[in-house]
Amino acid sequence: MTINVLGVELELDIYDVDVYEKLEKEVAEVKRKTDETEQEENNAKKLRRHCAIVKEFFDNVFGPGTSEKVFKGKDNIKDCTDAYIMVIGAYSEAVYAYGEAMENSHNEIMSRYAPGPEDEVEDDEV
């Protein structure tokens, strides 16, 4: 799937297990690093660190240099937050769609091949 992040087209194949695993790991890293950043005293430092964390996320998930393409060297907390949310939103939608597809497939298979009431065996038939 291609997603547009702040005007930059990025490829995110969520169904590729390697990509999924990398994304899952990097989301956990963002959470861990963000929690550590909350200890900073200075708000400007916190915001700059949050931008650095998001940029590192983009480079780790999409490849080196991606953060430069997306953020153009700027530390804009709104852009960093919006960009991160766009990726997480696409990730969440794909995971939900996959879950729905699996559930539908399971139900279809079960309705097709599971025994129905007419297939039940009476005790006296055995």
Protein backbone atom coordinates (compact mmCIF):
# COMPACT_ATOMS: atom_id res chain seq x y z
CA MET A 1 0.00 0.00 0.00
CA THR A 2 1.17 3.51 -0.71
CA ILE A 3 0.52 6.24 1.82
CA ASN A 4 0.95 9.96 1.37
CA VAL A 5 2.78 11.49 4.32
CA LEU A 6 3.08 15.25 4.15
CA GLY A 7 3.16 15.13 0.37
CA VAL A 8 5.66 12.26 0.12
CA GLU A 9 4.51 8.88 -1.22
CA LEU A 10 5.79 6.01 0.94
CA GLU A 11 5.38 2.28 0.37
CA LEU A 12 4.09 0.36 3.39
CA ASP A 13 3.36 -3.31 2.73
CA ILE A 14 1.80 -4.16 6.07
CA TYR A 15 1.03 -7.71 4.90
CA ASP A 16 4.74 -8.47 4.46
CA VAL A 17 5.58 -10.08 7.79
CA ASP A 18 9.07 -8.56 7.83
CA VAL A 19 7.59 -5.08 7.41
CA TYR A 20 4.92 -5.80 10.01
CA GLU A 21 7.53 -7.03 12.49
CA LYS A 22 9.76 -3.98 11.89
CA LEU A 23 6.81 -1.63 12.30
CA GLU A 24 5.67 -3.36 15.48
CA LYS A 25 9.21 -3.10 16.93
CA GLU A 26 9.60 0.55 15.95
CA VAL A 27 6.22 1.55 17.40
CA ALA A 28 7.30 0.00 20.72
CA GLU A 29 10.59 1.93 20.48
CA VAL A 30 8.74 5.21 19.91
CA LYS A 31 6.65 4.54 23.01
CA ARG A 32 9.71 3.63 25.11
CA LYS A 33 11.75 6.64 23.96
CA THR A 34 8.82 9.02 24.34
CA ASP A 35 8.28 7.84 27.91
CA GLU A 36 11.97 8.49 28.66
CA THR A 37 11.73 11.96 27.10
CA GLU A 38 9.02 12.97 29.53
CA GLN A 39 11.75 13.27 32.18
CA GLU A 40 13.25 16.29 30.40
CA GLU A 41 12.80 19.57 32.24
CA ASN A 42 12.70 21.89 29.25
CA ASN A 43 9.62 21.74 26.98
CA ALA A 44 11.55 22.82 23.89
CA LYS A 45 13.99 19.94 24.47
CA LYS A 46 11.05 17.54 24.83
CA LEU A 47 9.52 18.70 21.57
CA ARG A 48 12.83 18.53 19.72
CA ARG A 49 13.43 15.04 21.12
CA HIS A 50 9.92 13.94 20.05
CA CYS A 51 10.69 15.09 16.51
CA ALA A 52 13.99 13.20 16.58
CA ILE A 53 12.19 10.05 17.74
CA VAL A 54 9.64 10.28 14.93
CA LYS A 55 12.35 10.96 12.34
CA GLU A 56 14.29 7.93 13.54
CA PHE A 57 11.06 5.89 13.28
CA PHE A 58 10.63 6.94 9.64
CA ASP A 59 14.22 6.12 8.75
CA ASN A 60 14.03 2.74 10.48
CA VAL A 61 10.69 1.75 8.93
CA PHE A 62 11.01 3.22 5.42
CA GLY A 63 14.77 3.39 5.01
CA PRO A 64 17.58 5.86 5.65
CA GLY A 65 16.93 9.37 4.34
CA THR A 66 13.13 9.08 4.51
CA SER A 67 12.84 11.55 7.37
CA GLU A 68 14.77 14.15 5.36
CA LYS A 69 12.36 13.72 2.42
CA VAL A 70 9.30 13.96 4.65
CA PHE A 71 10.36 16.66 7.12
CA LYS A 72 12.90 18.57 4.99
CA GLY A 73 15.26 19.06 7.94
CA LYS A 74 12.68 20.86 10.09
CA ASP A 75 11.62 20.04 13.63
CA ASN A 76 7.93 20.91 13.42
CA ILE A 77 6.11 19.05 16.19
CA LYS A 78 2.75 19.22 14.39
CA ASP A 79 4.21 17.75 11.18
CA CYS A 80 6.05 15.05 13.12
CA THR A 81 2.94 14.13 15.10
CA ASP A 82 0.67 14.19 12.04
CA ALA A 83 3.09 12.08 10.01
CA TYR A 84 3.42 9.49 12.76
CA ILE A 85 -0.36 9.34 13.18
CA MET A 86 -0.79 8.83 9.41
CA VAL A 87 1.48 5.78 9.48
CA ILE A 88 -0.11 4.36 12.63
CA GLY A 89 -3.56 4.94 11.12
CA ALA A 90 -2.62 3.04 7.95
CA TYR A 91 -1.12 0.27 10.07
CA SER A 92 -4.25 0.02 12.22
CA GLU A 93 -6.58 0.01 9.21
CA ALA A 94 -4.59 -2.77 7.56
CA VAL A 95 -4.55 -4.88 10.73
CA TYR A 96 -8.31 -4.38 11.15
CA ALA A 97 -9.00 -5.21 7.48
CA TYR A 98 -6.87 -8.34 7.73
CA GLY A 99 -8.75 -9.43 10.87
CA GLU A 100 -12.08 -8.85 9.16
CA ALA A 101 -10.99 -10.79 6.07
CA MET A 102 -9.80 -13.70 8.18
CA GLU A 103 -13.05 -13.76 10.15
CA ASN A 104 -15.12 -13.66 6.94
CA SER A 105 -13.03 -16.43 5.38
CA HIS A 106 -13.38 -18.55 8.49
CA ASN A 107 -17.15 -18.06 8.57
CA GLU A 108 -17.45 -18.88 4.87
CA ILE A 109 -15.43 -22.07 5.24
CA MET A 110 -17.38 -23.12 8.33
CA SER A 111 -20.73 -22.52 6.64
CA ARG A 112 -19.59 -24.47 3.60
CA TYR A 113 -18.04 -27.47 5.31
CA ALA A 114 -19.34 -27.67 8.87
CA PRO A 115 -22.11 -30.19 9.46
CA GLY A 116 -25.57 -28.68 9.52
CA PRO A 117 -28.60 -29.81 11.57
CA GLU A 118 -29.62 -32.19 8.76
CA ASP A 119 -26.26 -33.94 9.13
CA GLU A 120 -26.69 -34.74 12.82
CA VAL A 121 -26.78 -38.41 13.73
CA GLU A 122 -29.50 -39.62 16.03
CA ASP A 123 -28.45 -41.84 18.95
CA ASP A 124 -30.62 -44.69 17.68
CA GLU A 125 -28.92 -44.57 14.23
CA VAL A 126 -25.53 -45.48 15.69
